[in-house]
Amino acid sequence: MGSVKDLKVLKYPSANKSGRGRFIFSDRYSVFDWGEMPDHIPNKGKSLCISAAYFFEKLKSLGVKSHYLGLIGDGNKLGRLSDIKTPVDIMEVKLLRVLTPLQRGVRYDYSAYQTENNNYLIPLEIIYRKSLPEGSSIFKRLEEGSLKLEDLDLKEMPHPGETLSKPFLDVSTKLEETDRYLSWQEAKDIAHLDDGEISEIKRVTLLINKLINEEAEKVGLKYEDGKIEFGFDEERNLIVIDVLGTLDECRFTFEGMPVSKEVARLYYRKTDWFKEIVEAKKRDNIRWKEKVTLSPPPLPARLKELISMVYCAFANEITGREWFKDIPFMGELLSLIHI
């Protein structure tokens, strides 16, 4: 499945019928598109699974369709979050087809989407930005000129931590070797969507943005940005897929301190390994990994322990249930992190 979670296929999808599978959330993590990092973060997988289920069930109550079917608890039984007594790391979902674009040199061929109508992953990642935390790609793109101030409804260069007057919806590729940002017209063209489908994607994204922001505020967090993915079901209805609202899909802060794997990113940005990644991507944005000679170092033991507890605290506090025992509040944990 990927560097963070695995997929067990129970039934493969076809052109006209969805399949069925299970996400097995691991304690692995990834930063900077590197893939699996050398450490595992204890209880991270269970925290992500619980948090994602919470938001999927909130979406259902709002009438938003998704591929979420439930969690696998004791006795291999499928149930809702309210049926689960202890933290689990397995989620059952509908499976859609993945139509991988063909790579032709430095370009990708998306022509397969011209003839397909339903039951597939839309090859886009939608990013919703409520503010611009330090490290946001927005700053680099503004400096390079690939993004303009008016795109963000700004009149002057923003500063790290600035809150936007209205959420900015961004879009990137999903199935390429390295994600690249697109204009909405480019996104529409490669995925062969019509104007109504683009509008619906934006509408649902903003609704999700509002939901996550409200839930974050309840536990004292500032919601900064997040990402989401969509697909089409058998009737070409838009559905939310993958996961949402977790510390891997979103950036939250508590009094300016990151509450996500951004903590690990902050540590790694100071390493020679990260500096080499930056230079490698400048030389070759497609095969940059082949040019990186260093390996990422492991996290310091205490930092890894604190990150693990932050994941557990997030699941406890966002759901209002003590899934993980004897875990301090997020604010207390974050006050102990110094990078």
C-alpha atoms as a PDB file:
ATOM      1  CA  MET A   1       0.000   0.000   0.000  1.00  0.00           C
ATOM      2  CA  GLY A   2       2.654   2.507   0.954  1.00  0.00           C
ATOM      3  CA  SER A   3       5.133   3.701   3.519  1.00  0.00           C
ATOM      4  CA  VAL A   4       2.565   4.280   6.282  1.00  0.00           C
ATOM      5  CA  LYS A   5      -0.238   1.725   5.952  1.00  0.00           C
ATOM      6  CA  ASP A   6      -0.786  -1.609   4.285  1.00  0.00           C
ATOM      7  CA  LEU A   7      -3.742  -2.867   2.294  1.00  0.00           C
ATOM      8  CA  LYS A   8      -5.266  -6.326   2.508  1.00  0.00           C
ATOM      9  CA  VAL A   9      -7.550  -6.964  -0.456  1.00  0.00           C
ATOM     10  CA  LEU A  10     -10.640  -8.996   0.374  1.00  0.00           C
ATOM     11  CA  LYS A  11     -12.272  -8.472  -3.023  1.00  0.00           C
ATOM     12  CA  TYR A  12     -10.768  -6.712  -6.008  1.00  0.00           C
ATOM     13  CA  PRO A  13     -12.754  -3.877  -7.651  1.00  0.00           C
ATOM     14  CA  SER A  14     -13.942  -4.169 -11.232  1.00  0.00           C
ATOM     15  CA  ALA A  15     -15.021  -1.611 -13.808  1.00  0.00           C
ATOM     16  CA  ASN A  16     -18.592  -1.664 -12.497  1.00  0.00           C
ATOM     17  CA  LYS A  17     -18.353  -2.838  -8.897  1.00  0.00           C
ATOM     18  CA  SER A  18     -16.324  -1.687  -5.929  1.00  0.00           C
ATOM     19  CA  GLY A  19     -14.096  -4.105  -4.089  1.00  0.00           C
ATOM     20  CA  ARG A  20     -13.506  -4.524  -0.393  1.00  0.00           C
ATOM     21  CA  GLY A  21     -10.317  -4.246   1.594  1.00  0.00           C
ATOM     22  CA  ARG A  22      -8.712  -3.466   4.917  1.00  0.00           C
ATOM     23  CA  PHE A  23      -6.295  -0.710   5.785  1.00  0.00           C
ATOM     24  CA  ILE A  24      -3.767  -1.918   8.329  1.00  0.00           C
ATOM     25  CA  PHE A  25      -2.320   1.181   9.934  1.00  0.00           C
ATOM     26  CA  SER A  26       1.333   0.770  10.853  1.00  0.00           C
ATOM     27  CA  ASP A  27       3.665   2.591  13.202  1.00  0.00           C
ATOM     28  CA  ARG A  28       5.819   3.571  10.217  1.00  0.00           C
ATOM     29  CA  TYR A  29       6.008   7.156   9.048  1.00  0.00           C
ATOM     30  CA  SER A  30       7.289   9.122   6.071  1.00  0.00           C
ATOM     31  CA  VAL A  31       8.520  12.678   5.523  1.00  0.00           C
ATOM     32  CA  PHE A  32       9.575  14.626   2.408  1.00  0.00           C
ATOM     33  CA  ASP A  33       8.296  11.872   0.034  1.00  0.00           C
ATOM     34  CA  TRP A  34      11.185   9.665   1.179  1.00  0.00           C
ATOM     35  CA  GLY A  35       9.172   6.595   2.048  1.00  0.00           C
ATOM     36  CA  GLU A  36       9.622   4.523   5.193  1.00  0.00           C
ATOM     37  CA  MET A  37      11.849   6.169   7.782  1.00  0.00           C
ATOM     38  CA  PRO A  38      14.232   4.212  10.050  1.00  0.00           C
ATOM     39  CA  ASP A  39      12.065   4.494  13.188  1.00  0.00           C
ATOM     40  CA  HIS A  40       8.641   3.200  14.101  1.00  0.00           C
ATOM     41  CA  ILE A  41       6.479   5.389  16.369  1.00  0.00           C
ATOM     42  CA  PRO A  42       4.665   3.235  18.954  1.00  0.00           C
ATOM     43  CA  ASN A  43       0.840   3.362  18.812  1.00  0.00           C
ATOM     44  CA  LYS A  44       0.879   5.713  15.828  1.00  0.00           C
ATOM     45  CA  GLY A  45      -1.100   3.264  13.677  1.00  0.00           C
ATOM     46  CA  LYS A  46      -3.870   2.770  16.216  1.00  0.00           C
ATOM     47  CA  SER A  47      -4.090   6.509  16.835  1.00  0.00           C
ATOM     48  CA  LEU A  48      -4.474   7.214  13.113  1.00  0.00           C
ATOM     49  CA  CYS A  49      -7.077   4.473  12.697  1.00  0.00           C
ATOM     50  CA  ILE A  50      -9.214   5.722  15.591  1.00  0.00           C
ATOM     51  CA  SER A  51      -8.923   9.384  14.541  1.00  0.00           C
ATOM     52  CA  ALA A  52      -9.784   8.661  10.897  1.00  0.00           C
ATOM     53  CA  ALA A  53     -12.811   6.564  11.878  1.00  0.00           C
ATOM     54  CA  TYR A  54     -14.051   9.413  14.063  1.00  0.00           C
ATOM     55  CA  PHE A  55     -13.994  11.850  11.141  1.00  0.00           C
ATOM     56  CA  PHE A  56     -15.475   9.373   8.655  1.00  0.00           C
ATOM     57  CA  GLU A  57     -18.421   8.808  10.980  1.00  0.00           C
ATOM     58  CA  LYS A  58     -18.827  12.569  11.409  1.00  0.00           C
ATOM     59  CA  LEU A  59     -18.904  12.924   7.617  1.00  0.00           C
ATOM     60  CA  LYS A  60     -21.626  10.305   7.323  1.00  0.00           C
ATOM     61  CA  SER A  61     -23.784  12.268   9.773  1.00  0.00           C
ATOM     62  CA  LEU A  62     -23.356  15.274   7.446  1.00  0.00           C
ATOM     63  CA  GLY A  63     -24.479  13.284   4.409  1.00  0.00           C
ATOM     64  CA  VAL A  64     -21.037  13.044   2.805  1.00  0.00           C
ATOM     65  CA  LYS A  65     -20.322   9.701   1.130  1.00  0.00           C
ATOM     66  CA  SER A  66     -17.033   7.890   1.690  1.00  0.00           C
ATOM     67  CA  HIS A  67     -15.496   4.452   1.245  1.00  0.00           C
ATOM     68  CA  TYR A  68     -15.411   3.840   5.025  1.00  0.00           C
ATOM     69  CA  LEU A  69     -17.206   0.684   6.150  1.00  0.00           C
ATOM     70  CA  GLY A  70     -16.080   0.375   9.772  1.00  0.00           C
ATOM     71  CA  LEU A  71     -13.400  -0.894  12.135  1.00  0.00           C
ATOM     72  CA  ILE A  72     -12.347  -4.467  12.825  1.00  0.00           C
ATOM     73  CA  GLY A  73     -12.591  -5.255  16.522  1.00  0.00           C
ATOM     74  CA  ASP A  74     -12.456  -8.344  18.699  1.00  0.00           C
ATOM     75  CA  GLY A  75     -13.475 -11.539  16.962  1.00  0.00           C
ATOM     76  CA  ASN A  76     -12.702 -10.031  13.560  1.00  0.00           C
ATOM     77  CA  LYS A  77     -16.079  -8.268  13.656  1.00  0.00           C
ATOM     78  CA  LEU A  78     -16.899  -5.132  11.682  1.00  0.00           C
ATOM     79  CA  GLY A  79     -18.273  -2.291  13.783  1.00  0.00           C
ATOM     80  CA  ARG A  80     -18.531   1.424  14.344  1.00  0.00           C
ATOM     81  CA  LEU A  81     -16.291   3.368  16.676  1.00  0.00           C
ATOM     82  CA  SER A  82     -18.880   3.028  19.441  1.00  0.00           C
ATOM     83  CA  ASP A  83     -18.602  -0.775  19.179  1.00  0.00           C
ATOM     84  CA  ILE A  84     -14.830  -0.798  19.730  1.00  0.00           C
ATOM     85  CA  LYS A  85     -13.584  -1.155  23.311  1.00  0.00           C
ATOM     86  CA  THR A  86      -9.799  -0.918  22.840  1.00  0.00           C
ATOM     87  CA  PRO A  87      -7.648   0.801  20.172  1.00  0.00           C
ATOM     88  CA  VAL A  88      -7.474  -1.031  16.846  1.00  0.00           C
ATOM     89  CA  ASP A  89      -5.403  -0.546  13.711  1.00  0.00           C
ATOM     90  CA  ILE A  90      -7.617  -2.152  11.038  1.00  0.00           C
ATOM     91  CA  MET A  91     -10.269  -0.301   9.029  1.00  0.00           C
ATOM     92  CA  GLU A  92     -12.487  -1.879   6.375  1.00  0.00           C
ATOM     93  CA  VAL A  93     -13.201   0.148   3.230  1.00  0.00           C
ATOM     94  CA  LYS A  94     -14.663  -0.086  -0.238  1.00  0.00           C
ATOM     95  CA  LEU A  95     -11.941  -0.391  -2.852  1.00  0.00           C
ATOM     96  CA  LEU A  96     -11.841   1.552  -6.106  1.00  0.00           C
ATOM     97  CA  ARG A  97      -9.662   0.979  -9.132  1.00  0.00           C
ATOM     98  CA  VAL A  98      -6.379   2.873  -9.451  1.00  0.00           C
ATOM     99  CA  LEU A  99      -5.743   3.897 -13.055  1.00  0.00           C
ATOM    100  CA  THR A 100      -2.030   4.656 -12.993  1.00  0.00           C
ATOM    101  CA  PRO A 101      -0.974   7.226 -15.620  1.00  0.00           C
ATOM    102  CA  LEU A 102       1.784   6.050 -17.947  1.00  0.00           C
ATOM    103  CA  GLN A 103       5.114   7.823 -17.570  1.00  0.00           C
ATOM    104  CA  ARG A 104       6.571   8.988 -20.868  1.00  0.00           C
ATOM    105  CA  GLY A 105       9.929  10.604 -20.156  1.00  0.00           C
ATOM    106  CA  VAL A 106       9.272  13.535 -17.830  1.00  0.00           C
ATOM    107  CA  ARG A 107       5.564  13.637 -18.708  1.00  0.00           C
ATOM    108  CA  TYR A 108       2.606  11.499 -17.700  1.00  0.00           C
ATOM    109  CA  ASP A 109      -0.148  10.177 -19.965  1.00  0.00           C
ATOM    110  CA  TYR A 110      -3.631  10.460 -18.405  1.00  0.00           C
ATOM    111  CA  SER A 111      -5.563   9.408 -21.511  1.00  0.00           C
ATOM    112  CA  ALA A 112      -7.041   6.376 -19.670  1.00  0.00           C
ATOM    113  CA  TYR A 113      -9.361   8.782 -17.837  1.00  0.00           C
ATOM    114  CA  GLN A 114     -11.010   9.806 -21.113  1.00  0.00           C
ATOM    115  CA  THR A 115     -12.799   6.470 -21.468  1.00  0.00           C
ATOM    116  CA  GLU A 116     -13.404   5.458 -17.832  1.00  0.00           C
ATOM    117  CA  ASN A 117     -16.592   6.618 -16.126  1.00  0.00           C
ATOM    118  CA  ASN A 118     -16.862   5.132 -12.661  1.00  0.00           C
ATOM    119  CA  ASN A 119     -15.413   3.201  -9.758  1.00  0.00           C
ATOM    120  CA  TYR A 120     -11.917   4.693  -9.668  1.00  0.00           C
ATOM    121  CA  LEU A 121      -9.614   6.939  -7.690  1.00  0.00           C
ATOM    122  CA  ILE A 122      -9.479  10.508  -8.982  1.00  0.00           C
ATOM    123  CA  PRO A 123      -5.719  11.074  -9.546  1.00  0.00           C
ATOM    124  CA  LEU A 124      -5.599  14.305  -7.532  1.00  0.00           C
ATOM    125  CA  GLU A 125      -4.798  15.331  -3.997  1.00  0.00           C
ATOM    126  CA  ILE A 126      -6.799  18.270  -2.679  1.00  0.00           C
ATOM    127  CA  ILE A 127      -5.049  20.460  -0.114  1.00  0.00           C
ATOM    128  CA  TYR A 128      -7.022  22.857   2.031  1.00  0.00           C
ATOM    129  CA  ARG A 129      -5.083  25.659   3.672  1.00  0.00           C
ATOM    130  CA  LYS A 130      -6.483  27.735   6.505  1.00  0.00           C
ATOM    131  CA  SER A 131      -3.164  29.352   7.381  1.00  0.00           C
ATOM    132  CA  LEU A 132       0.475  29.300   6.342  1.00  0.00           C
ATOM    133  CA  PRO A 133       2.623  27.637   9.028  1.00  0.00           C
ATOM    134  CA  GLU A 134       6.396  27.753   8.887  1.00  0.00           C
ATOM    135  CA  GLY A 135       7.585  25.188   6.362  1.00  0.00           C
ATOM    136  CA  SER A 136       4.517  25.506   4.129  1.00  0.00           C
ATOM    137  CA  SER A 137       5.334  24.974   0.447  1.00  0.00           C
ATOM    138  CA  ILE A 138       3.372  28.155  -0.289  1.00  0.00           C
ATOM    139  CA  PHE A 139       6.345  30.369   0.624  1.00  0.00           C
ATOM    140  CA  LYS A 140       8.699  28.617  -1.785  1.00  0.00           C
ATOM    141  CA  ARG A 141       6.126  28.694  -4.586  1.00  0.00           C
ATOM    142  CA  LEU A 142       5.531  32.430  -4.087  1.00  0.00           C
ATOM    143  CA  GLU A 143       9.270  33.079  -4.252  1.00  0.00           C
ATOM    144  CA  GLU A 144       9.610  30.992  -7.410  1.00  0.00           C
ATOM    145  CA  GLY A 145       6.638  32.700  -9.025  1.00  0.00           C
ATOM    146  CA  SER A 146       4.664  29.492  -9.615  1.00  0.00           C
ATOM    147  CA  LEU A 147       2.007  30.944  -7.297  1.00  0.00           C
ATOM    148  CA  LYS A 148       0.838  34.558  -7.187  1.00  0.00           C
ATOM    149  CA  LEU A 149      -0.329  36.662  -4.246  1.00  0.00           C
ATOM    150  CA  GLU A 150      -3.738  37.149  -5.854  1.00  0.00           C
ATOM    151  CA  ASP A 151      -4.195  33.361  -5.929  1.00  0.00           C
ATOM    152  CA  LEU A 152      -4.244  33.535  -2.133  1.00  0.00           C
ATOM    153  CA  ASP A 153      -6.295  36.733  -2.012  1.00  0.00           C
ATOM    154  CA  LEU A 154      -3.259  38.545  -0.570  1.00  0.00           C
ATOM    155  CA  LYS A 155      -1.793  41.958  -1.368  1.00  0.00           C
ATOM    156  CA  GLU A 156       1.644  41.476   0.181  1.00  0.00           C
ATOM    157  CA  MET A 157       4.009  38.617   0.960  1.00  0.00           C
ATOM    158  CA  PRO A 158       2.671  36.570   3.898  1.00  0.00           C
ATOM    159  CA  HIS A 159       4.680  35.652   6.974  1.00  0.00           C
ATOM    160  CA  PRO A 160       4.925  32.198   8.630  1.00  0.00           C
ATOM    161  CA  GLY A 161       1.910  31.592  10.837  1.00  0.00           C
ATOM    162  CA  GLU A 162      -0.355  33.983   8.939  1.00  0.00           C
ATOM    163  CA  THR A 163      -4.038  33.044   8.885  1.00  0.00           C
ATOM    164  CA  LEU A 164      -5.756  33.442   5.523  1.00  0.00           C
ATOM    165  CA  SER A 165      -8.928  35.510   5.203  1.00  0.00           C
ATOM    166  CA  LYS A 166     -10.549  32.513   3.505  1.00  0.00           C
ATOM    167  CA  PRO A 167      -9.341  28.929   2.976  1.00  0.00           C
ATOM    168  CA  PHE A 168      -7.165  28.408  -0.083  1.00  0.00           C
ATOM    169  CA  LEU A 169      -7.884  25.212  -2.010  1.00  0.00           C
ATOM    170  CA  ASP A 170      -4.809  23.772  -3.660  1.00  0.00           C
ATOM    171  CA  VAL A 171      -4.515  20.719  -5.900  1.00  0.00           C
ATOM    172  CA  SER A 172      -1.660  18.405  -6.839  1.00  0.00           C
ATOM    173  CA  THR A 173      -1.066  15.139  -8.659  1.00  0.00           C
ATOM    174  CA  LYS A 174      -1.509  11.930  -6.676  1.00  0.00           C
ATOM    175  CA  LEU A 175      -0.096   9.091  -8.776  1.00  0.00           C
ATOM    176  CA  GLU A 176       3.178  10.518 -10.059  1.00  0.00           C
ATOM    177  CA  GLU A 177       6.637   9.732  -8.703  1.00  0.00           C
ATOM    178  CA  THR A 178       6.784  13.164  -7.067  1.00  0.00           C
ATOM    179  CA  ASP A 179       3.636  15.196  -6.410  1.00  0.00           C
ATOM    180  CA  ARG A 180       3.431  18.433  -8.410  1.00  0.00           C
ATOM    181  CA  TYR A 181       1.038  21.316  -7.904  1.00  0.00           C
ATOM    182  CA  LEU A 182      -1.504  22.067 -10.615  1.00  0.00           C
ATOM    183  CA  SER A 183      -3.847  24.842 -11.574  1.00  0.00           C
ATOM    184  CA  TRP A 184      -7.503  23.862 -11.286  1.00  0.00           C
ATOM    185  CA  GLN A 185      -7.741  23.907 -15.072  1.00  0.00           C
ATOM    186  CA  GLU A 186      -4.815  21.468 -15.329  1.00  0.00           C
ATOM    187  CA  ALA A 187      -6.424  19.269 -12.670  1.00  0.00           C
ATOM    188  CA  LYS A 188      -9.701  19.278 -14.557  1.00  0.00           C
ATOM    189  CA  ASP A 189      -7.939  18.359 -17.807  1.00  0.00           C
ATOM    190  CA  ILE A 190      -5.777  15.469 -16.576  1.00  0.00           C
ATOM    191  CA  ALA A 191      -8.592  13.868 -14.553  1.00  0.00           C
ATOM    192  CA  HIS A 192     -11.166  14.603 -17.301  1.00  0.00           C
ATOM    193  CA  LEU A 193     -13.665  16.194 -14.911  1.00  0.00           C
ATOM    194  CA  ASP A 194     -16.448  18.590 -15.838  1.00  0.00           C
ATOM    195  CA  ASP A 195     -17.141  21.959 -14.213  1.00  0.00           C
ATOM    196  CA  GLY A 196     -19.850  20.522 -11.973  1.00  0.00           C
ATOM    197  CA  GLU A 197     -17.514  17.831 -10.625  1.00  0.00           C
ATOM    198  CA  ILE A 198     -14.785  20.372  -9.884  1.00  0.00           C
ATOM    199  CA  SER A 199     -17.350  22.520  -8.064  1.00  0.00           C
ATOM    200  CA  GLU A 200     -18.538  19.537  -6.019  1.00  0.00           C
ATOM    201  CA  ILE A 201     -14.967  18.630  -5.057  1.00  0.00           C
ATOM    202  CA  LYS A 202     -14.438  22.181  -3.817  1.00  0.00           C
ATOM    203  CA  ARG A 203     -17.772  22.250  -1.964  1.00  0.00           C
ATOM    204  CA  VAL A 204     -17.132  18.994  -0.103  1.00  0.00           C
ATOM    205  CA  THR A 205     -13.540  19.999   0.647  1.00  0.00           C
ATOM    206  CA  LEU A 206     -14.712  23.237   2.249  1.00  0.00           C
ATOM    207  CA  LEU A 207     -17.305  21.349   4.292  1.00  0.00           C
ATOM    208  CA  ILE A 208     -14.601  18.970   5.534  1.00  0.00           C
ATOM    209  CA  ASN A 209     -12.350  21.939   6.210  1.00  0.00           C
ATOM    210  CA  LYS A 210     -15.073  23.448   8.416  1.00  0.00           C
ATOM    211  CA  LEU A 211     -15.675  20.170  10.267  1.00  0.00           C
ATOM    212  CA  ILE A 212     -12.008  19.581  11.091  1.00  0.00           C
ATOM    213  CA  ASN A 213     -11.558  23.195  12.160  1.00  0.00           C
ATOM    214  CA  GLU A 214     -14.522  22.975  14.560  1.00  0.00           C
ATOM    215  CA  GLU A 215     -13.330  19.684  16.045  1.00  0.00           C
ATOM    216  CA  ALA A 216      -9.780  21.020  16.468  1.00  0.00           C
ATOM    217  CA  GLU A 217     -10.983  24.149  18.244  1.00  0.00           C
ATOM    218  CA  LYS A 218     -12.887  22.003  20.772  1.00  0.00           C
ATOM    219  CA  VAL A 219      -9.569  20.585  22.020  1.00  0.00           C
ATOM    220  CA  GLY A 220      -7.618  23.826  21.841  1.00  0.00           C
ATOM    221  CA  LEU A 221      -5.840  23.225  18.544  1.00  0.00           C
ATOM    222  CA  LYS A 222      -5.356  25.575  15.617  1.00  0.00           C
ATOM    223  CA  TYR A 223      -6.048  23.844  12.313  1.00  0.00           C
ATOM    224  CA  GLU A 224      -3.491  24.920   9.700  1.00  0.00           C
ATOM    225  CA  ASP A 225      -3.892  22.772   6.590  1.00  0.00           C
ATOM    226  CA  GLY A 226      -4.768  19.282   5.420  1.00  0.00           C
ATOM    227  CA  LYS A 227      -5.251  17.033   2.428  1.00  0.00           C
ATOM    228  CA  ILE A 228      -7.968  14.779   1.096  1.00  0.00           C
ATOM    229  CA  GLU A 229      -8.593  12.401  -1.789  1.00  0.00           C
ATOM    230  CA  PHE A 230     -11.704  11.549  -3.779  1.00  0.00           C
ATOM    231  CA  GLY A 231     -12.973   8.854  -6.056  1.00  0.00           C
ATOM    232  CA  PHE A 232     -16.072   7.943  -8.052  1.00  0.00           C
ATOM    233  CA  ASP A 233     -18.328   5.054  -7.014  1.00  0.00           C
ATOM    234  CA  GLU A 234     -20.275   2.770  -9.361  1.00  0.00           C
ATOM    235  CA  GLU A 235     -22.754   5.549 -10.220  1.00  0.00           C
ATOM    236  CA  ARG A 236     -20.004   8.184 -10.542  1.00  0.00           C
ATOM    237  CA  ASN A 237     -20.972   9.755  -7.235  1.00  0.00           C
ATOM    238  CA  LEU A 238     -18.140  11.624  -5.578  1.00  0.00           C
ATOM    239  CA  ILE A 239     -16.875   9.843  -2.444  1.00  0.00           C
ATOM    240  CA  VAL A 240     -14.128  10.629   0.056  1.00  0.00           C
ATOM    241  CA  ILE A 241     -11.385   7.979   0.141  1.00  0.00           C
ATOM    242  CA  ASP A 242      -8.153   7.151   1.949  1.00  0.00           C
ATOM    243  CA  VAL A 243      -8.279   8.877   5.381  1.00  0.00           C
ATOM    244  CA  LEU A 244      -8.807  12.382   6.711  1.00  0.00           C
ATOM    245  CA  GLY A 245      -8.451  14.514   9.824  1.00  0.00           C
ATOM    246  CA  THR A 246      -5.445  12.679  11.254  1.00  0.00           C
ATOM    247  CA  LEU A 247      -2.043  13.971  12.299  1.00  0.00           C
ATOM    248  CA  ASP A 248      -0.622  12.594   9.037  1.00  0.00           C
ATOM    249  CA  GLU A 249      -3.197  14.248   6.778  1.00  0.00           C
ATOM    250  CA  CYS A 250      -3.433  17.568   8.628  1.00  0.00           C
ATOM    251  CA  ARG A 251      -1.257  20.129  10.316  1.00  0.00           C
ATOM    252  CA  PHE A 252      -2.402  21.396  13.697  1.00  0.00           C
ATOM    253  CA  THR A 253      -0.592  23.652  16.138  1.00  0.00           C
ATOM    254  CA  PHE A 254      -0.945  24.298  19.853  1.00  0.00           C
ATOM    255  CA  GLU A 255       0.261  27.783  20.790  1.00  0.00           C
ATOM    256  CA  GLY A 256       2.524  27.738  17.737  1.00  0.00           C
ATOM    257  CA  MET A 257       3.953  24.251  18.326  1.00  0.00           C
ATOM    258  CA  PRO A 258       3.247  21.578  15.682  1.00  0.00           C
ATOM    259  CA  VAL A 259       0.958  18.708  16.724  1.00  0.00           C
ATOM    260  CA  SER A 260       1.756  16.248  13.967  1.00  0.00           C
ATOM    261  CA  LYS A 261       4.639  14.558  12.224  1.00  0.00           C
ATOM    262  CA  GLU A 262       5.741  18.110  11.469  1.00  0.00           C
ATOM    263  CA  VAL A 263       7.670  17.728  14.737  1.00  0.00           C
ATOM    264  CA  ALA A 264       9.778  15.061  13.018  1.00  0.00           C
ATOM    265  CA  ARG A 265      10.098  17.272   9.936  1.00  0.00           C
ATOM    266  CA  LEU A 266      11.492  20.093  12.085  1.00  0.00           C
ATOM    267  CA  TYR A 267      14.155  17.751  13.420  1.00  0.00           C
ATOM    268  CA  TYR A 268      15.088  16.369  10.002  1.00  0.00           C
ATOM    269  CA  ARG A 269      15.295  19.795   8.355  1.00  0.00           C
ATOM    270  CA  LYS A 270      18.457  20.354  10.389  1.00  0.00           C
ATOM    271  CA  THR A 271      20.190  17.219   9.077  1.00  0.00           C
ATOM    272  CA  ASP A 272      22.663  16.780   6.206  1.00  0.00           C
ATOM    273  CA  TRP A 273      20.309  14.155   4.799  1.00  0.00           C
ATOM    274  CA  PHE A 274      17.590  16.768   4.256  1.00  0.00           C
ATOM    275  CA  LYS A 275      20.062  19.215   2.684  1.00  0.00           C
ATOM    276  CA  GLU A 276      21.043  16.521   0.210  1.00  0.00           C
ATOM    277  CA  ILE A 277      17.378  15.874  -0.657  1.00  0.00           C
ATOM    278  CA  VAL A 278      16.871  19.571  -1.434  1.00  0.00           C
ATOM    279  CA  GLU A 279      19.871  19.623  -3.770  1.00  0.00           C
ATOM    280  CA  ALA A 280      18.893  16.328  -5.430  1.00  0.00           C
ATOM    281  CA  LYS A 281      15.384  17.616  -6.209  1.00  0.00           C
ATOM    282  CA  LYS A 282      16.885  20.723  -7.792  1.00  0.00           C
ATOM    283  CA  ARG A 283      18.927  18.544 -10.144  1.00  0.00           C
ATOM    284  CA  ASP A 284      16.260  15.955 -10.966  1.00  0.00           C
ATOM    285  CA  ASN A 285      12.715  16.227  -9.642  1.00  0.00           C
ATOM    286  CA  ILE A 286      11.787  12.787 -11.020  1.00  0.00           C
ATOM    287  CA  ARG A 287      14.678  10.496  -9.985  1.00  0.00           C
ATOM    288  CA  TRP A 288      15.986  12.552  -7.102  1.00  0.00           C
ATOM    289  CA  LYS A 289      16.096   9.616  -4.668  1.00  0.00           C
ATOM    290  CA  GLU A 290      18.765   7.915  -6.759  1.00  0.00           C
ATOM    291  CA  LYS A 291      21.020  10.936  -6.225  1.00  0.00           C
ATOM    292  CA  VAL A 292      20.748  10.973  -2.419  1.00  0.00           C
ATOM    293  CA  THR A 293      23.742   9.155  -0.919  1.00  0.00           C
ATOM    294  CA  LEU A 294      22.927   9.658   2.772  1.00  0.00           C
ATOM    295  CA  SER A 295      20.303   7.776   4.772  1.00  0.00           C
ATOM    296  CA  PRO A 296      18.029   9.503   7.289  1.00  0.00           C
ATOM    297  CA  PRO A 297      19.296   9.188  10.856  1.00  0.00           C
ATOM    298  CA  PRO A 298      17.004   7.733  13.539  1.00  0.00           C
ATOM    299  CA  LEU A 299      15.059  10.082  15.784  1.00  0.00           C
ATOM    300  CA  PRO A 300      16.461  10.762  19.263  1.00  0.00           C
ATOM    301  CA  ALA A 301      14.828   8.278  21.675  1.00  0.00           C
ATOM    302  CA  ARG A 302      13.129  10.903  23.842  1.00  0.00           C
ATOM    303  CA  LEU A 303      11.773  12.800  20.830  1.00  0.00           C
ATOM    304  CA  LYS A 304      10.325   9.572  19.402  1.00  0.00           C
ATOM    305  CA  GLU A 305       8.662   8.816  22.750  1.00  0.00           C
ATOM    306  CA  LEU A 306       7.118  12.292  22.918  1.00  0.00           C
ATOM    307  CA  ILE A 307       5.847  12.102  19.320  1.00  0.00           C
ATOM    308  CA  SER A 308       4.237   8.746  20.122  1.00  0.00           C
ATOM    309  CA  MET A 309       2.441  10.204  23.126  1.00  0.00           C
ATOM    310  CA  VAL A 310       1.275  13.202  21.066  1.00  0.00           C
ATOM    311  CA  TYR A 311      -0.400  10.821  18.586  1.00  0.00           C
ATOM    312  CA  CYS A 312      -2.082   8.989  21.467  1.00  0.00           C
ATOM    313  CA  ALA A 313      -3.187  12.245  23.127  1.00  0.00           C
ATOM    314  CA  PHE A 314      -4.692  13.480  19.863  1.00  0.00           C
ATOM    315  CA  ALA A 315      -6.849  10.345  19.496  1.00  0.00           C
ATOM    316  CA  ASN A 316      -7.956  10.602  23.127  1.00  0.00           C
ATOM    317  CA  GLU A 317      -8.836  14.277  23.010  1.00  0.00           C
ATOM    318  CA  ILE A 318     -10.395  14.545  19.536  1.00  0.00           C
ATOM    319  CA  THR A 319     -12.765  11.606  20.203  1.00  0.00           C
ATOM    320  CA  GLY A 320     -13.391  12.401  23.857  1.00  0.00           C
ATOM    321  CA  ARG A 321     -12.470   8.841  24.912  1.00  0.00           C
ATOM    322  CA  GLU A 322      -9.429   7.539  26.777  1.00  0.00           C
ATOM    323  CA  TRP A 323      -8.198   4.975  24.267  1.00  0.00           C
ATOM    324  CA  PHE A 324      -4.618   5.229  25.504  1.00  0.00           C
ATOM    325  CA  LYS A 325      -4.144   5.183  29.274  1.00  0.00           C
ATOM    326  CA  ASP A 326      -1.952   7.488  31.345  1.00  0.00           C
ATOM    327  CA  ILE A 327      -1.221   9.875  28.478  1.00  0.00           C
ATOM    328  CA  PRO A 328      -0.719  13.560  29.416  1.00  0.00           C
ATOM    329  CA  PHE A 329      -2.633  16.280  27.560  1.00  0.00           C
ATOM    330  CA  MET A 330      -1.178  17.464  24.269  1.00  0.00           C
ATOM    331  CA  GLY A 331      -0.306  20.880  25.644  1.00  0.00           C
ATOM    332  CA  GLU A 332       1.786  19.343  28.417  1.00  0.00           C
ATOM    333  CA  LEU A 333       3.589  17.015  26.007  1.00  0.00           C
ATOM    334  CA  LEU A 334       4.367  19.730  23.505  1.00  0.00           C
ATOM    335  CA  SER A 335       5.893  21.928  26.178  1.00  0.00           C
ATOM    336  CA  LEU A 336       8.527  19.203  26.615  1.00  0.00           C
ATOM    337  CA  ILE A 337       9.603  19.184  22.938  1.00  0.00           C
ATOM    338  CA  HIS A 338      12.578  21.367  22.086  1.00  0.00           C
ATOM    339  CA  ILE A 339      14.120  21.193  18.599  1.00  0.00           C
END
